[in-house]
Amino acid sequence: MNYPDGQEVRVGHRVRLGEDSGGVVVFSIDRDEYAADYPKAEWAYLEAGVMIRFPKDGLIHFAEEDDDLELLSRAQREGDAG
């Protein structure tokens, strides 16, 4: 899955969706990347997309690209959802 600007969504990226600017990508089924707290065995049933943890809204699964999703910063190490 990609952001509207074409960059790829990766685990550990910090993102904004509307007013909620504290989102963190916790796994990407598309890239087969999962943060330690979100094991593949528990989430692979979703089959596609990414999961983002937002402070206000909790976990939101994106099966398709969303024009309102904005990358704020990358993880210090790709794959680090710290």
N, C-alpha and C. Protein backbone atom coordinates (compact mmCIF):
# COMPACT_ATOMS: atom_id res chain seq x y z
N MET A 1 0.85 -1.18 0.00
CA MET A 1 0.00 0.00 0.00
C MET A 1 0.89 1.23 0.00
N ASN A 2 0.42 2.30 -0.65
CA ASN A 2 1.19 3.53 -0.76
C ASN A 2 0.40 4.71 -0.21
N TYR A 3 1.16 5.77 0.15
CA TYR A 3 0.56 7.05 0.49
C TYR A 3 0.12 7.73 -0.82
N PRO A 4 -0.69 8.78 -0.72
CA PRO A 4 -1.13 9.46 -1.94
C PRO A 4 0.03 9.96 -2.82
N ASP A 5 1.18 10.25 -2.21
CA ASP A 5 2.32 10.74 -3.00
C ASP A 5 3.13 9.61 -3.64
N GLY A 6 2.70 8.36 -3.43
CA GLY A 6 3.35 7.22 -4.04
C GLY A 6 4.36 6.50 -3.17
N GLN A 7 4.76 7.08 -2.03
CA GLN A 7 5.69 6.41 -1.13
C GLN A 7 5.00 5.21 -0.48
N GLU A 8 5.79 4.20 -0.20
CA GLU A 8 5.25 2.96 0.37
C GLU A 8 5.03 3.09 1.87
N VAL A 9 3.90 2.61 2.36
CA VAL A 9 3.60 2.59 3.80
C VAL A 9 4.43 1.48 4.43
N ARG A 10 5.18 1.82 5.49
CA ARG A 10 6.06 0.86 6.16
C ARG A 10 5.80 0.85 7.66
N VAL A 11 6.07 -0.27 8.28
CA VAL A 11 5.94 -0.41 9.73
C VAL A 11 6.84 0.62 10.41
N GLY A 12 6.29 1.28 11.42
CA GLY A 12 7.04 2.28 12.18
C GLY A 12 6.84 3.70 11.70
N HIS A 13 6.29 3.89 10.51
CA HIS A 13 6.02 5.24 10.04
C HIS A 13 5.02 5.93 10.96
N ARG A 14 5.24 7.21 11.18
CA ARG A 14 4.29 8.03 11.93
C ARG A 14 3.46 8.79 10.90
N VAL A 15 2.15 8.76 11.12
CA VAL A 15 1.24 9.30 10.10
C VAL A 15 0.16 10.18 10.72
N ARG A 16 -0.48 10.93 9.84
CA ARG A 16 -1.62 11.77 10.22
C ARG A 16 -2.82 11.33 9.38
N LEU A 17 -3.98 11.34 10.03
CA LEU A 17 -5.24 11.12 9.34
C LEU A 17 -6.20 12.17 9.88
N GLY A 18 -6.46 13.18 9.09
CA GLY A 18 -7.31 14.27 9.57
C GLY A 18 -6.65 14.98 10.73
N GLU A 19 -7.38 15.12 11.83
CA GLU A 19 -6.88 15.81 13.02
C GLU A 19 -5.95 14.95 13.86
N ASP A 20 -5.96 13.64 13.66
CA ASP A 20 -5.17 12.73 14.49
C ASP A 20 -3.79 12.54 13.87
N SER A 21 -2.79 13.20 14.47
CA SER A 21 -1.45 13.18 13.89
C SER A 21 -0.51 12.22 14.61
N GLY A 22 -1.03 11.36 15.46
CA GLY A 22 -0.17 10.49 16.24
C GLY A 22 -0.17 9.04 15.82
N GLY A 23 -0.57 8.75 14.60
CA GLY A 23 -0.67 7.36 14.15
C GLY A 23 0.69 6.71 13.92
N VAL A 24 0.75 5.41 14.19
CA VAL A 24 1.95 4.62 13.93
C VAL A 24 1.52 3.36 13.18
N VAL A 25 2.20 3.08 12.07
CA VAL A 25 1.91 1.86 11.31
C VAL A 25 2.46 0.69 12.10
N VAL A 26 1.60 -0.27 12.49
CA VAL A 26 2.03 -1.39 13.32
C VAL A 26 2.20 -2.69 12.54
N PHE A 27 1.58 -2.79 11.37
CA PHE A 27 1.92 -3.89 10.47
C PHE A 27 1.43 -3.60 9.07
N SER A 28 2.10 -4.28 8.13
CA SER A 28 1.74 -4.22 6.73
C SER A 28 1.64 -5.64 6.21
N ILE A 29 0.43 -6.08 5.95
CA ILE A 29 0.24 -7.42 5.39
C ILE A 29 0.85 -7.46 3.99
N ASP A 30 0.70 -6.38 3.25
CA ASP A 30 1.22 -6.31 1.88
C ASP A 30 2.73 -6.54 1.83
N ARG A 31 3.47 -6.03 2.82
CA ARG A 31 4.92 -6.17 2.87
C ARG A 31 5.36 -7.32 3.77
N ASP A 32 4.41 -7.97 4.44
CA ASP A 32 4.71 -9.04 5.39
C ASP A 32 5.63 -8.54 6.50
N GLU A 33 5.31 -7.33 7.03
CA GLU A 33 6.04 -6.71 8.13
C GLU A 33 5.09 -6.52 9.32
N TYR A 34 5.56 -6.94 10.49
CA TYR A 34 4.73 -6.87 11.70
C TYR A 34 5.57 -6.40 12.87
N ALA A 35 5.08 -5.42 13.62
CA ALA A 35 5.74 -5.01 14.85
C ALA A 35 5.61 -6.15 15.86
N ALA A 36 6.51 -6.20 16.81
CA ALA A 36 6.54 -7.30 17.79
C ALA A 36 5.22 -7.48 18.53
N ASP A 37 4.52 -6.39 18.81
CA ASP A 37 3.26 -6.46 19.55
C ASP A 37 2.07 -6.86 18.68
N TYR A 38 2.29 -7.03 17.38
CA TYR A 38 1.22 -7.35 16.43
C TYR A 38 1.66 -8.51 15.55
N PRO A 39 1.70 -9.73 16.11
CA PRO A 39 2.22 -10.88 15.36
C PRO A 39 1.36 -11.27 14.16
N LYS A 40 2.03 -11.71 13.14
CA LYS A 40 1.37 -12.12 11.89
C LYS A 40 0.26 -13.14 12.15
N ALA A 41 0.51 -14.08 13.04
CA ALA A 41 -0.46 -15.15 13.30
C ALA A 41 -1.81 -14.60 13.76
N GLU A 42 -1.82 -13.44 14.39
CA GLU A 42 -3.07 -12.86 14.90
C GLU A 42 -3.77 -11.95 13.90
N TRP A 43 -3.06 -11.50 12.86
CA TRP A 43 -3.62 -10.47 11.99
C TRP A 43 -3.68 -10.84 10.52
N ALA A 44 -3.04 -11.89 10.09
CA ALA A 44 -2.97 -12.24 8.67
C ALA A 44 -4.35 -12.52 8.07
N TYR A 45 -5.33 -12.83 8.90
CA TYR A 45 -6.69 -13.10 8.38
C TYR A 45 -7.26 -11.91 7.63
N LEU A 46 -6.73 -10.72 7.86
CA LEU A 46 -7.22 -9.53 7.17
C LEU A 46 -6.84 -9.54 5.69
N GLU A 47 -5.84 -10.31 5.32
CA GLU A 47 -5.44 -10.61 3.94
C GLU A 47 -4.73 -9.52 3.18
N ALA A 48 -4.97 -8.24 3.44
CA ALA A 48 -4.30 -7.17 2.69
C ALA A 48 -4.34 -5.88 3.50
N GLY A 49 -3.47 -4.96 3.13
CA GLY A 49 -3.50 -3.63 3.72
C GLY A 49 -2.54 -3.44 4.88
N VAL A 50 -2.80 -2.39 5.64
CA VAL A 50 -1.98 -2.03 6.79
C VAL A 50 -2.87 -1.72 7.99
N MET A 51 -2.27 -1.81 9.18
CA MET A 51 -2.97 -1.43 10.41
C MET A 51 -2.20 -0.27 11.03
N ILE A 52 -2.96 0.75 11.43
CA ILE A 52 -2.35 1.92 12.05
C ILE A 52 -3.01 2.14 13.40
N ARG A 53 -2.16 2.38 14.41
CA ARG A 53 -2.64 2.65 15.77
C ARG A 53 -2.65 4.17 15.96
N PHE A 54 -3.85 4.71 16.21
CA PHE A 54 -4.02 6.14 16.45
C PHE A 54 -4.37 6.37 17.91
N PRO A 55 -3.84 7.44 18.53
CA PRO A 55 -4.16 7.72 19.93
C PRO A 55 -5.65 7.99 20.17
N LYS A 56 -6.29 8.69 19.24
CA LYS A 56 -7.70 9.05 19.44
C LYS A 56 -8.65 7.93 19.01
N ASP A 57 -8.36 7.29 17.88
CA ASP A 57 -9.30 6.34 17.29
C ASP A 57 -8.92 4.87 17.46
N GLY A 58 -7.76 4.60 18.04
CA GLY A 58 -7.33 3.21 18.21
C GLY A 58 -6.82 2.62 16.90
N LEU A 59 -7.02 1.32 16.74
CA LEU A 59 -6.54 0.62 15.55
C LEU A 59 -7.49 0.82 14.37
N ILE A 60 -6.93 1.20 13.23
CA ILE A 60 -7.70 1.33 12.00
C ILE A 60 -7.00 0.52 10.92
N HIS A 61 -7.76 -0.38 10.30
CA HIS A 61 -7.24 -1.20 9.20
C HIS A 61 -7.55 -0.50 7.87
N PHE A 62 -6.53 -0.34 7.06
CA PHE A 62 -6.69 0.25 5.73
C PHE A 62 -6.44 -0.86 4.71
N ALA A 63 -7.48 -1.32 4.05
CA ALA A 63 -7.33 -2.35 3.03
C ALA A 63 -6.96 -1.74 1.68
N GLU A 64 -7.25 -0.44 1.53
CA GLU A 64 -6.96 0.29 0.30
C GLU A 64 -6.33 1.63 0.66
N GLU A 65 -5.70 2.24 -0.31
CA GLU A 65 -5.09 3.55 -0.10
C GLU A 65 -6.15 4.57 0.31
N ASP A 66 -5.73 5.52 1.15
CA ASP A 66 -6.63 6.57 1.63
C ASP A 66 -5.99 7.91 1.29
N ASP A 67 -6.70 8.75 0.56
CA ASP A 67 -6.16 10.05 0.13
C ASP A 67 -5.85 10.99 1.28
N ASP A 68 -6.40 10.73 2.47
CA ASP A 68 -6.17 11.60 3.62
C ASP A 68 -5.02 11.15 4.51
N LEU A 69 -4.42 10.01 4.23
CA LEU A 69 -3.33 9.49 5.04
C LEU A 69 -2.03 10.18 4.64
N GLU A 70 -1.34 10.77 5.62
CA GLU A 70 -0.14 11.55 5.34
C GLU A 70 1.05 11.04 6.16
N LEU A 71 2.16 10.79 5.51
CA LEU A 71 3.39 10.39 6.19
C LEU A 71 3.98 11.60 6.88
N LEU A 72 4.26 11.47 8.20
CA LEU A 72 4.90 12.54 8.95
C LEU A 72 6.38 12.26 9.13
N SER A 73 6.73 11.00 9.47
CA SER A 73 8.13 10.63 9.63
C SER A 73 8.27 9.12 9.53
N ARG A 74 9.47 8.72 9.16
CA ARG A 74 9.78 7.30 9.06
C ARG A 74 10.30 6.81 10.40
N ALA A 75 10.29 5.51 10.59
CA ALA A 75 10.89 4.91 11.78
C ALA A 75 12.39 5.16 11.73
N GLN A 76 13.04 5.19 12.89
CA GLN A 76 14.49 5.35 12.88
C GLN A 76 15.14 4.21 12.13
N ARG A 77 14.59 3.03 12.28
CA ARG A 77 14.98 1.85 11.48
C ARG A 77 13.71 1.35 10.85
N GLU A 78 13.71 1.12 9.52
CA GLU A 78 12.52 0.59 8.89
C GLU A 78 12.12 -0.71 9.59
N GLY A 79 10.83 -0.88 9.84
CA GLY A 79 10.35 -2.05 10.53
C GLY A 79 10.26 -1.86 12.03
N ASP A 80 10.67 -0.70 12.56
CA ASP A 80 10.63 -0.43 13.99
C ASP A 80 9.37 0.38 14.30
N ALA A 81 8.42 -0.24 14.94
CA ALA A 81 7.17 0.46 15.27
C ALA A 81 7.20 1.07 16.64
N GLY A 82 8.38 1.09 17.28
CA GLY A 82 8.59 1.60 18.61
C GLY A 82 7.69 2.67 18.96
